[in-house]
């Protein structure tokens, strides 16, 4: 597949204009830290669901792990979503996720955090899934590891290939991707080629020039930009949302009302091709000026949006 590569000047301008929207903030560790039948398409989602995916964090406010009862109680509130996105394999989140998926009829977007130790992490994930592959929407090898500078794009690609091989040998035939910011993906189109579809995180709030009502239009535009940079491959926005508390970032102002406006705008623009960040506030995190004191406050206040 031939990819459309942006010029160095264009990429530099894009990085300057959109650097804030690439700011990582969703992972637990630090500040963020086989192929489907039709390669390049996202997995199908249940037609009975009214929304796309949603991120779920399995940690209590003090950083300890939520137990299965709390996990199931939380995820019952998320049954209108097509799939649940998890970032790692700690805290028994994969087995608890399997139990929730069976009970509430959604799928799981699973991931491994420690990409350098991919082989070991994928082995553990395979054991935890226990052949319930029909419940798995996607497996992601890392989250924003290129954007954060943890690994080179080429090193991540090598790990994606290993993961796909190990998962295929275990009976998984669904999508395998690596997730990164839209800026990092456009700067490194090799990430598109390695993934079965393009999995891009994109937050209008961090742009600084986008107000809540324009969040959906911003996502639509950036999704199309990523698609062009990746040779027309299908794009799924794997993380986006709006904080309900924190400091303003230019035109982007955190509030409960603005969160509702932004989420409705995103849903209208993107339909099911989006994963919302995040189900509940992450009170185990630390607010900092770098993330506009909003790190804890992305939990969706009205899940019925």
C-alpha atoms as a PDB file:
ATOM      1  CA  UNK A   1       0.000   0.000   0.000  1.00  0.00           C
ATOM      2  CA  UNK A   2       1.280   3.467  -0.916  1.00  0.00           C
ATOM      3  CA  UNK A   3       0.981   6.051   1.820  1.00  0.00           C
ATOM      4  CA  UNK A   4       0.632   9.774   1.356  1.00  0.00           C
ATOM      5  CA  UNK A   5       3.544  11.266   3.263  1.00  0.00           C
ATOM      6  CA  UNK A   6       3.353  14.851   4.496  1.00  0.00           C
ATOM      7  CA  UNK A   7       6.298  17.119   3.833  1.00  0.00           C
ATOM      8  CA  UNK A   8       8.616  17.949   6.722  1.00  0.00           C
ATOM      9  CA  UNK A   9       7.374  21.539   6.633  1.00  0.00           C
ATOM     10  CA  UNK A  10       3.734  20.475   6.770  1.00  0.00           C
ATOM     11  CA  UNK A  11       4.440  18.104   9.635  1.00  0.00           C
ATOM     12  CA  UNK A  12       6.317  20.779  11.522  1.00  0.00           C
ATOM     13  CA  UNK A  13       3.423  23.211  11.139  1.00  0.00           C
ATOM     14  CA  UNK A  14       0.949  20.547  12.189  1.00  0.00           C
ATOM     15  CA  UNK A  15       3.001  19.719  15.253  1.00  0.00           C
ATOM     16  CA  UNK A  16       3.093  23.381  16.274  1.00  0.00           C
ATOM     17  CA  UNK A  17      -0.631  23.895  15.717  1.00  0.00           C
ATOM     18  CA  UNK A  18      -1.814  20.640  17.237  1.00  0.00           C
ATOM     19  CA  UNK A  19       0.826  19.727  19.810  1.00  0.00           C
ATOM     20  CA  UNK A  20      -1.590  20.257  22.659  1.00  0.00           C
ATOM     21  CA  UNK A  21      -4.086  17.810  21.218  1.00  0.00           C
ATOM     22  CA  UNK A  22      -1.389  15.169  21.207  1.00  0.00           C
ATOM     23  CA  UNK A  23      -0.799  15.589  24.923  1.00  0.00           C
ATOM     24  CA  UNK A  24      -1.053  12.166  26.550  1.00  0.00           C
ATOM     25  CA  UNK A  25      -3.173  11.774  29.640  1.00  0.00           C
ATOM     26  CA  UNK A  26      -5.020   8.493  29.750  1.00  0.00           C
ATOM     27  CA  UNK A  27      -2.748   5.734  30.990  1.00  0.00           C
ATOM     28  CA  UNK A  28      -2.161   4.514  34.521  1.00  0.00           C
ATOM     29  CA  UNK A  29       1.621   4.385  34.302  1.00  0.00           C
ATOM     30  CA  UNK A  30       3.064   7.900  34.229  1.00  0.00           C
ATOM     31  CA  UNK A  31       1.484  10.825  32.419  1.00  0.00           C
ATOM     32  CA  UNK A  32       0.322   8.634  29.538  1.00  0.00           C
ATOM     33  CA  UNK A  33       2.075   6.810  28.841  1.00  0.00           C
ATOM     34  CA  UNK A  34      -4.558 -12.660  13.008  1.00  0.00           C
ATOM     35  CA  UNK A  35      -5.760  -9.988  10.517  1.00  0.00           C
ATOM     36  CA  UNK A  36      -9.548  -9.566   9.976  1.00  0.00           C
ATOM     37  CA  UNK A  37     -11.246 -10.715   6.778  1.00  0.00           C
ATOM     38  CA  UNK A  38     -11.095  -7.189   5.375  1.00  0.00           C
ATOM     39  CA  UNK A  39      -7.865  -5.540   6.439  1.00  0.00           C
ATOM     40  CA  UNK A  40      -8.250  -1.861   7.230  1.00  0.00           C
ATOM     41  CA  UNK A  41     -11.790  -1.996   8.576  1.00  0.00           C
ATOM     42  CA  UNK A  42     -12.798  -1.755  12.189  1.00  0.00           C
ATOM     43  CA  UNK A  43     -14.646  -4.665  13.790  1.00  0.00           C
ATOM     44  CA  UNK A  44     -18.416  -4.610  13.546  1.00  0.00           C
ATOM     45  CA  UNK A  45     -20.335  -3.456  16.596  1.00  0.00           C
ATOM     46  CA  UNK A  46     -23.711  -4.523  17.848  1.00  0.00           C
ATOM     47  CA  UNK A  47     -26.541  -2.731  16.034  1.00  0.00           C
ATOM     48  CA  UNK A  48     -28.467  -2.623  19.325  1.00  0.00           C
ATOM     49  CA  UNK A  49     -25.902  -0.290  20.906  1.00  0.00           C
ATOM     50  CA  UNK A  50     -26.402   3.477  20.658  1.00  0.00           C
ATOM     51  CA  UNK A  51     -22.771   4.530  21.185  1.00  0.00           C
ATOM     52  CA  UNK A  52     -19.246   3.481  20.217  1.00  0.00           C
ATOM     53  CA  UNK A  53     -16.646   2.498  22.810  1.00  0.00           C
ATOM     54  CA  UNK A  54     -15.697   3.885  26.197  1.00  0.00           C
ATOM     55  CA  UNK A  55     -12.511   3.807  28.259  1.00  0.00           C
ATOM     56  CA  UNK A  56     -12.708   2.172  31.684  1.00  0.00           C
ATOM     57  CA  UNK A  57     -10.104   2.399  34.462  1.00  0.00           C
ATOM     58  CA  UNK A  58      -9.998  -0.469  37.009  1.00  0.00           C
ATOM     59  CA  UNK A  59      -8.406   1.593  39.823  1.00  0.00           C
ATOM     60  CA  UNK A  60      -9.804   3.054  43.028  1.00  0.00           C
ATOM     61  CA  UNK A  61      -9.033   6.631  44.102  1.00  0.00           C
ATOM     62  CA  UNK A  62      -6.076   5.405  46.178  1.00  0.00           C
ATOM     63  CA  UNK A  63      -4.628   3.491  43.210  1.00  0.00           C
ATOM     64  CA  UNK A  64      -5.638   0.045  44.425  1.00  0.00           C
ATOM     65  CA  UNK A  65      -7.489  -2.379  42.176  1.00  0.00           C
ATOM     66  CA  UNK A  66     -11.264  -2.424  41.986  1.00  0.00           C
ATOM     67  CA  UNK A  67     -12.734  -5.805  42.874  1.00  0.00           C
ATOM     68  CA  UNK A  68     -14.995  -7.786  40.545  1.00  0.00           C
ATOM     69  CA  UNK A  69     -18.198  -6.585  42.237  1.00  0.00           C
ATOM     70  CA  UNK A  70     -17.223  -2.924  41.746  1.00  0.00           C
ATOM     71  CA  UNK A  71     -16.089  -3.625  38.178  1.00  0.00           C
ATOM     72  CA  UNK A  72     -19.461  -5.188  37.338  1.00  0.00           C
ATOM     73  CA  UNK A  73     -21.408  -2.458  39.129  1.00  0.00           C
ATOM     74  CA  UNK A  74     -19.498   0.217  37.202  1.00  0.00           C
ATOM     75  CA  UNK A  75     -19.791  -1.429  33.815  1.00  0.00           C
ATOM     76  CA  UNK A  76     -23.530  -2.026  34.180  1.00  0.00           C
ATOM     77  CA  UNK A  77     -23.818   1.738  33.672  1.00  0.00           C
ATOM     78  CA  UNK A  78     -21.937   1.388  30.356  1.00  0.00           C
ATOM     79  CA  UNK A  79     -24.174  -1.160  28.668  1.00  0.00           C
ATOM     80  CA  UNK A  80     -25.258   1.303  25.930  1.00  0.00           C
ATOM     81  CA  UNK A  81     -21.678   1.322  24.604  1.00  0.00           C
ATOM     82  CA  UNK A  82     -20.493  -1.164  22.000  1.00  0.00           C
ATOM     83  CA  UNK A  83     -17.179  -1.959  23.637  1.00  0.00           C
ATOM     84  CA  UNK A  84     -15.056  -1.247  26.686  1.00  0.00           C
ATOM     85  CA  UNK A  85     -11.453  -0.116  26.227  1.00  0.00           C
ATOM     86  CA  UNK A  86      -8.895  -1.377  28.755  1.00  0.00           C
ATOM     87  CA  UNK A  87      -5.215  -0.393  28.655  1.00  0.00           C
ATOM     88  CA  UNK A  88      -3.459  -3.267  30.422  1.00  0.00           C
ATOM     89  CA  UNK A  89      -3.579  -6.685  32.048  1.00  0.00           C
ATOM     90  CA  UNK A  90      -3.047  -5.747  35.712  1.00  0.00           C
ATOM     91  CA  UNK A  91      -5.731  -5.579  38.422  1.00  0.00           C
ATOM     92  CA  UNK A  92      -7.530  -8.640  37.007  1.00  0.00           C
ATOM     93  CA  UNK A  93      -9.134  -6.294  34.483  1.00  0.00           C
ATOM     94  CA  UNK A  94      -9.169  -8.792  31.618  1.00  0.00           C
ATOM     95  CA  UNK A  95     -11.042 -11.582  33.474  1.00  0.00           C
ATOM     96  CA  UNK A  96     -13.351  -8.990  35.035  1.00  0.00           C
ATOM     97  CA  UNK A  97     -13.865  -7.486  31.593  1.00  0.00           C
ATOM     98  CA  UNK A  98     -14.760 -10.889  30.156  1.00  0.00           C
ATOM     99  CA  UNK A  99     -17.349 -11.357  32.913  1.00  0.00           C
ATOM    100  CA  UNK A 100     -18.810  -7.906  32.249  1.00  0.00           C
ATOM    101  CA  UNK A 101     -18.883  -8.420  28.474  1.00  0.00           C
ATOM    102  CA  UNK A 102     -20.833 -11.644  28.891  1.00  0.00           C
ATOM    103  CA  UNK A 103     -23.260 -10.072  31.337  1.00  0.00           C
ATOM    104  CA  UNK A 104     -23.874  -6.781  29.534  1.00  0.00           C
ATOM    105  CA  UNK A 105     -23.413  -7.795  25.885  1.00  0.00           C
ATOM    106  CA  UNK A 106     -20.496  -5.675  24.774  1.00  0.00           C
ATOM    107  CA  UNK A 107     -16.985  -6.400  23.519  1.00  0.00           C
ATOM    108  CA  UNK A 108     -13.536  -5.573  24.881  1.00  0.00           C
ATOM    109  CA  UNK A 109     -10.809  -3.433  23.349  1.00  0.00           C
ATOM    110  CA  UNK A 110      -7.829  -4.968  25.147  1.00  0.00           C
ATOM    111  CA  UNK A 111      -4.279  -3.676  25.397  1.00  0.00           C
ATOM    112  CA  UNK A 112      -0.826  -4.306  26.776  1.00  0.00           C
ATOM    113  CA  UNK A 113       1.106  -1.534  28.489  1.00  0.00           C
ATOM    114  CA  UNK A 114       4.665  -2.897  28.599  1.00  0.00           C
ATOM    115  CA  UNK A 115       5.457  -3.014  24.888  1.00  0.00           C
ATOM    116  CA  UNK A 116       9.156  -3.945  25.265  1.00  0.00           C
ATOM    117  CA  UNK A 117       7.969  -7.049  27.157  1.00  0.00           C
ATOM    118  CA  UNK A 118       5.316  -7.720  24.523  1.00  0.00           C
ATOM    119  CA  UNK A 119       5.851 -11.479  24.298  1.00  0.00           C
ATOM    120  CA  UNK A 120       5.335 -12.026  28.029  1.00  0.00           C
ATOM    121  CA  UNK A 121       2.379  -9.622  28.251  1.00  0.00           C
ATOM    122  CA  UNK A 122       0.606 -11.164  25.265  1.00  0.00           C
ATOM    123  CA  UNK A 123       1.119 -14.611  26.770  1.00  0.00           C
ATOM    124  CA  UNK A 124      -0.577 -13.486  29.970  1.00  0.00           C
ATOM    125  CA  UNK A 125      -3.397 -11.835  28.030  1.00  0.00           C
ATOM    126  CA  UNK A 126      -4.023 -15.043  26.068  1.00  0.00           C
ATOM    127  CA  UNK A 127      -4.309 -17.014  29.309  1.00  0.00           C
ATOM    128  CA  UNK A 128      -6.695 -14.437  30.795  1.00  0.00           C
ATOM    129  CA  UNK A 129      -8.975 -14.364  27.763  1.00  0.00           C
ATOM    130  CA  UNK A 130      -9.282 -18.148  27.977  1.00  0.00           C
ATOM    131  CA  UNK A 131     -10.540 -18.614  24.401  1.00  0.00           C
ATOM    132  CA  UNK A 132     -13.325 -16.031  24.761  1.00  0.00           C
ATOM    133  CA  UNK A 133     -12.063 -14.381  21.576  1.00  0.00           C
ATOM    134  CA  UNK A 134     -15.570 -13.658  20.299  1.00  0.00           C
ATOM    135  CA  UNK A 135     -15.782 -11.005  23.033  1.00  0.00           C
ATOM    136  CA  UNK A 136     -12.617  -9.221  21.886  1.00  0.00           C
ATOM    137  CA  UNK A 137     -13.058  -6.190  19.612  1.00  0.00           C
ATOM    138  CA  UNK A 138      -9.342  -5.367  19.226  1.00  0.00           C
ATOM    139  CA  UNK A 139      -5.962  -5.972  20.871  1.00  0.00           C
ATOM    140  CA  UNK A 140      -3.685  -2.936  21.088  1.00  0.00           C
ATOM    141  CA  UNK A 141       0.080  -3.106  21.470  1.00  0.00           C
ATOM    142  CA  UNK A 142       0.749  -0.013  23.560  1.00  0.00           C
ATOM    143  CA  UNK A 143      -0.825   3.415  23.817  1.00  0.00           C
ATOM    144  CA  UNK A 144       1.021   6.518  22.566  1.00  0.00           C
ATOM    145  CA  UNK A 145       4.477   5.005  23.041  1.00  0.00           C
ATOM    146  CA  UNK A 146       5.833   6.767  19.929  1.00  0.00           C
ATOM    147  CA  UNK A 147       4.283  10.132  20.834  1.00  0.00           C
ATOM    148  CA  UNK A 148       5.771   9.878  24.335  1.00  0.00           C
ATOM    149  CA  UNK A 149       9.221   8.998  23.003  1.00  0.00           C
ATOM    150  CA  UNK A 150       9.311   5.634  24.774  1.00  0.00           C
ATOM    151  CA  UNK A 151       9.999   3.678  21.573  1.00  0.00           C
ATOM    152  CA  UNK A 152      10.650   4.312  17.891  1.00  0.00           C
ATOM    153  CA  UNK A 153       7.913   3.625  15.358  1.00  0.00           C
ATOM    154  CA  UNK A 154       9.984   0.804  13.842  1.00  0.00           C
ATOM    155  CA  UNK A 155      10.416  -0.888  17.224  1.00  0.00           C
ATOM    156  CA  UNK A 156       6.687  -0.706  17.893  1.00  0.00           C
ATOM    157  CA  UNK A 157       5.927  -2.171  14.459  1.00  0.00           C
ATOM    158  CA  UNK A 158       8.190  -5.135  15.212  1.00  0.00           C
ATOM    159  CA  UNK A 159       6.290  -5.798  18.437  1.00  0.00           C
ATOM    160  CA  UNK A 160       2.914  -5.543  16.685  1.00  0.00           C
ATOM    161  CA  UNK A 161       4.009  -8.263  14.257  1.00  0.00           C
ATOM    162  CA  UNK A 162       5.096 -10.505  17.136  1.00  0.00           C
ATOM    163  CA  UNK A 163       1.816  -9.922  18.975  1.00  0.00           C
ATOM    164  CA  UNK A 164      -0.242 -10.715  15.889  1.00  0.00           C
ATOM    165  CA  UNK A 165       1.628 -13.976  15.391  1.00  0.00           C
ATOM    166  CA  UNK A 166       1.234 -15.063  19.022  1.00  0.00           C
ATOM    167  CA  UNK A 167      -2.445 -14.116  19.111  1.00  0.00           C
ATOM    168  CA  UNK A 168      -3.128 -15.908  15.832  1.00  0.00           C
ATOM    169  CA  UNK A 169      -1.497 -19.072  17.146  1.00  0.00           C
ATOM    170  CA  UNK A 170      -3.838 -18.849  20.168  1.00  0.00           C
ATOM    171  CA  UNK A 171      -6.917 -18.703  17.931  1.00  0.00           C
ATOM    172  CA  UNK A 172      -7.527 -14.961  17.734  1.00  0.00           C
ATOM    173  CA  UNK A 173      -8.451 -13.744  14.243  1.00  0.00           C
ATOM    174  CA  UNK A 174      -9.539 -10.205  15.105  1.00  0.00           C
ATOM    175  CA  UNK A 175      -7.849  -6.834  14.800  1.00  0.00           C
ATOM    176  CA  UNK A 176      -4.385  -6.042  16.177  1.00  0.00           C
ATOM    177  CA  UNK A 177      -3.272  -2.387  16.276  1.00  0.00           C
ATOM    178  CA  UNK A 178      -0.968   0.053  17.975  1.00  0.00           C
ATOM    179  CA  UNK A 179      -2.642   3.208  19.292  1.00  0.00           C
ATOM    180  CA  UNK A 180      -0.955   6.594  19.067  1.00  0.00           C
ATOM    181  CA  UNK A 181      -1.853  10.270  18.724  1.00  0.00           C
ATOM    182  CA  UNK A 182      -3.008  11.499  15.336  1.00  0.00           C
ATOM    183  CA  UNK A 183       0.091  13.708  15.102  1.00  0.00           C
ATOM    184  CA  UNK A 184       2.476  10.800  15.779  1.00  0.00           C
ATOM    185  CA  UNK A 185       0.664   8.580  13.271  1.00  0.00           C
ATOM    186  CA  UNK A 186       0.809  11.144  10.475  1.00  0.00           C
ATOM    187  CA  UNK A 187       4.503  11.658  11.201  1.00  0.00           C
ATOM    188  CA  UNK A 188       5.092   7.881  11.160  1.00  0.00           C
ATOM    189  CA  UNK A 189       2.802   6.244   8.565  1.00  0.00           C
ATOM    190  CA  UNK A 190       4.554   2.911   9.184  1.00  0.00           C
ATOM    191  CA  UNK A 191       2.260   2.682  12.233  1.00  0.00           C
ATOM    192  CA  UNK A 192      -0.735   2.639   9.860  1.00  0.00           C
ATOM    193  CA  UNK A 193       0.711  -0.211   7.849  1.00  0.00           C
ATOM    194  CA  UNK A 194       1.382  -2.315  10.947  1.00  0.00           C
ATOM    195  CA  UNK A 195      -2.166  -1.941  12.282  1.00  0.00           C
ATOM    196  CA  UNK A 196      -5.224  -3.703  10.888  1.00  0.00           C
ATOM    197  CA  UNK A 197      -6.968  -0.339  11.012  1.00  0.00           C
ATOM    198  CA  UNK A 198      -5.680   3.073  12.088  1.00  0.00           C
ATOM    199  CA  UNK A 199      -6.182   3.592  15.831  1.00  0.00           C
ATOM    200  CA  UNK A 200      -5.722   7.284  16.677  1.00  0.00           C
ATOM    201  CA  UNK A 201      -6.187   9.262  19.892  1.00  0.00           C
ATOM    202  CA  UNK A 202      -7.394  12.815  19.330  1.00  0.00           C
ATOM    203  CA  UNK A 203      -8.536  15.376  21.918  1.00  0.00           C
ATOM    204  CA  UNK A 204     -10.090  18.642  20.685  1.00  0.00           C
ATOM    205  CA  UNK A 205      -9.696  20.127  24.176  1.00  0.00           C
ATOM    206  CA  UNK A 206      -5.910  20.192  23.891  1.00  0.00           C
ATOM    207  CA  UNK A 207      -5.929  22.118  20.630  1.00  0.00           C
ATOM    208  CA  UNK A 208      -6.701  25.362  22.432  1.00  0.00           C
ATOM    209  CA  UNK A 209      -8.604  26.875  19.506  1.00  0.00           C
ATOM    210  CA  UNK A 210     -11.625  24.574  19.570  1.00  0.00           C
ATOM    211  CA  UNK A 211     -14.642  25.242  21.748  1.00  0.00           C
ATOM    212  CA  UNK A 212     -16.948  22.475  22.934  1.00  0.00           C
ATOM    213  CA  UNK A 213     -19.504  22.914  20.150  1.00  0.00           C
ATOM    214  CA  UNK A 214     -16.826  22.374  17.487  1.00  0.00           C
ATOM    215  CA  UNK A 215     -15.339  19.203  18.995  1.00  0.00           C
ATOM    216  CA  UNK A 216     -17.065  16.903  16.512  1.00  0.00           C
ATOM    217  CA  UNK A 217     -16.003  18.931  13.467  1.00  0.00           C
ATOM    218  CA  UNK A 218     -12.417  18.953  14.736  1.00  0.00           C
ATOM    219  CA  UNK A 219     -12.416  15.170  15.113  1.00  0.00           C
ATOM    220  CA  UNK A 220     -13.963  14.668  11.688  1.00  0.00           C
ATOM    221  CA  UNK A 221     -11.302  16.841  10.076  1.00  0.00           C
ATOM    222  CA  UNK A 222      -8.394  15.187  11.858  1.00  0.00           C
ATOM    223  CA  UNK A 223      -9.797  11.728  11.146  1.00  0.00           C
ATOM    224  CA  UNK A 224      -9.857  12.549   7.436  1.00  0.00           C
ATOM    225  CA  UNK A 225      -6.310  13.926   7.645  1.00  0.00           C
ATOM    226  CA  UNK A 226      -5.103  10.705   9.237  1.00  0.00           C
ATOM    227  CA  UNK A 227      -6.955   8.631   6.661  1.00  0.00           C
ATOM    228  CA  UNK A 228      -5.246  10.510   3.817  1.00  0.00           C
ATOM    229  CA  UNK A 229      -1.834  10.143   5.457  1.00  0.00           C
ATOM    230  CA  UNK A 230      -2.471   6.415   5.795  1.00  0.00           C
ATOM    231  CA  UNK A 231      -3.398   5.739   2.184  1.00  0.00           C
ATOM    232  CA  UNK A 232      -7.153   5.667   2.743  1.00  0.00           C
ATOM    233  CA  UNK A 233      -7.126   3.072   5.512  1.00  0.00           C
ATOM    234  CA  UNK A 234     -10.062   2.989   7.914  1.00  0.00           C
ATOM    235  CA  UNK A 235      -9.604   5.187  11.022  1.00  0.00           C
ATOM    236  CA  UNK A 236     -11.055   4.682  14.483  1.00  0.00           C
ATOM    237  CA  UNK A 237     -10.693   7.451  17.062  1.00  0.00           C
ATOM    238  CA  UNK A 238      -9.675   5.393  20.076  1.00  0.00           C
ATOM    239  CA  UNK A 239      -9.708   8.130  22.688  1.00  0.00           C
ATOM    240  CA  UNK A 240     -11.483  11.483  22.851  1.00  0.00           C
ATOM    241  CA  UNK A 241     -13.630  13.461  25.255  1.00  0.00           C
ATOM    242  CA  UNK A 242     -13.875  16.707  27.228  1.00  0.00           C
ATOM    243  CA  UNK A 243     -13.101  17.496  30.888  1.00  0.00           C
ATOM    244  CA  UNK A 244     -15.841  18.754  33.194  1.00  0.00           C
ATOM    245  CA  UNK A 245     -13.425  20.526  35.553  1.00  0.00           C
ATOM    246  CA  UNK A 246     -10.002  22.173  35.269  1.00  0.00           C
ATOM    247  CA  UNK A 247      -8.386  25.293  33.814  1.00  0.00           C
ATOM    248  CA  UNK A 248      -9.325  26.789  30.418  1.00  0.00           C
ATOM    249  CA  UNK A 249      -7.100  26.086  27.430  1.00  0.00           C
ATOM    250  CA  UNK A 250      -7.810  29.056  25.191  1.00  0.00           C
ATOM    251  CA  UNK A 251     -11.240  28.522  23.636  1.00  0.00           C
ATOM    252  CA  UNK A 252     -11.555  25.134  25.348  1.00  0.00           C
ATOM    253  CA  UNK A 253     -13.240  25.573  28.717  1.00  0.00           C
ATOM    254  CA  UNK A 254     -13.863  22.646  31.114  1.00  0.00           C
ATOM    255  CA  UNK A 255     -17.338  22.448  32.620  1.00  0.00           C
ATOM    256  CA  UNK A 256     -20.157  19.952  32.992  1.00  0.00           C
ATOM    257  CA  UNK A 257     -22.253  21.828  30.436  1.00  0.00           C
ATOM    258  CA  UNK A 258     -19.402  22.041  27.937  1.00  0.00           C
ATOM    259  CA  UNK A 259     -18.642  18.368  28.352  1.00  0.00           C
ATOM    260  CA  UNK A 260     -22.210  17.554  27.394  1.00  0.00           C
ATOM    261  CA  UNK A 261     -22.064  19.877  24.383  1.00  0.00           C
ATOM    262  CA  UNK A 262     -18.740  18.408  23.241  1.00  0.00           C
ATOM    263  CA  UNK A 263     -19.840  14.775  23.596  1.00  0.00           C
ATOM    264  CA  UNK A 264     -23.050  15.405  21.678  1.00  0.00           C
ATOM    265  CA  UNK A 265     -21.041  17.152  18.950  1.00  0.00           C
ATOM    266  CA  UNK A 266     -18.626  14.206  18.779  1.00  0.00           C
ATOM    267  CA  UNK A 267     -21.418  11.643  18.646  1.00  0.00           C
ATOM    268  CA  UNK A 268     -23.217  13.531  15.857  1.00  0.00           C
ATOM    269  CA  UNK A 269     -20.024  13.835  13.804  1.00  0.00           C
ATOM    270  CA  UNK A 270     -18.471  10.422  14.387  1.00  0.00           C
ATOM    271  CA  UNK A 271     -21.328   8.007  15.054  1.00  0.00           C
ATOM    272  CA  UNK A 272     -19.980   4.685  16.339  1.00  0.00           C
ATOM    273  CA  UNK A 273     -16.436   5.301  15.024  1.00  0.00           C
ATOM    274  CA  UNK A 274     -15.157   6.692  18.317  1.00  0.00           C
ATOM    275  CA  UNK A 275     -14.108   5.576  21.796  1.00  0.00           C
ATOM    276  CA  UNK A 276     -14.933   8.059  24.561  1.00  0.00           C
ATOM    277  CA  UNK A 277     -12.563   9.037  27.348  1.00  0.00           C
ATOM    278  CA  UNK A 278     -13.560   8.195  30.034  1.00  0.00           C
ATOM    279  CA  UNK A 279     -16.304   6.372  31.929  1.00  0.00           C
ATOM    280  CA  UNK A 280     -15.557   7.789  35.401  1.00  0.00           C
ATOM    281  CA  UNK A 281     -13.186  10.322  36.952  1.00  0.00           C
ATOM    282  CA  UNK A 282      -9.631   9.034  37.488  1.00  0.00           C
ATOM    283  CA  UNK A 283      -9.123  10.254  41.039  1.00  0.00           C
ATOM    284  CA  UNK A 284      -5.943   8.189  41.384  1.00  0.00           C
ATOM    285  CA  UNK A 285      -4.197  10.549  38.960  1.00  0.00           C
ATOM    286  CA  UNK A 286      -2.500  13.882  39.734  1.00  0.00           C
ATOM    287  CA  UNK A 287      -3.683  17.188  38.286  1.00  0.00           C
ATOM    288  CA  UNK A 288      -0.916  19.351  36.816  1.00  0.00           C
ATOM    289  CA  UNK A 289      -0.721  22.655  34.928  1.00  0.00           C
ATOM    290  CA  UNK A 290       0.590  20.714  31.896  1.00  0.00           C
ATOM    291  CA  UNK A 291      -2.824  19.099  31.524  1.00  0.00           C
ATOM    292  CA  UNK A 292      -4.749  22.212  32.635  1.00  0.00           C
ATOM    293  CA  UNK A 293      -5.499  20.704  36.056  1.00  0.00           C
ATOM    294  CA  UNK A 294      -8.026  18.443  34.354  1.00  0.00           C
ATOM    295  CA  UNK A 295      -6.239  15.096  34.603  1.00  0.00           C
ATOM    296  CA  UNK A 296      -8.743  13.616  37.047  1.00  0.00           C
ATOM    297  CA  UNK A 297     -11.855  15.139  35.536  1.00  0.00           C
ATOM    298  CA  UNK A 298     -12.665  13.465  32.220  1.00  0.00           C
ATOM    299  CA  UNK A 299     -15.294  11.117  33.649  1.00  0.00           C
ATOM    300  CA  UNK A 300     -18.538  11.501  31.712  1.00  0.00           C
ATOM    301  CA  UNK A 301     -21.043  13.152  34.001  1.00  0.00           C
ATOM    302  CA  UNK A 302     -24.104  12.194  31.948  1.00  0.00           C
ATOM    303  CA  UNK A 303     -23.676   8.750  30.411  1.00  0.00           C
ATOM    304  CA  UNK A 304     -27.000   9.200  28.621  1.00  0.00           C
ATOM    305  CA  UNK A 305     -25.653  11.886  26.264  1.00  0.00           C
END
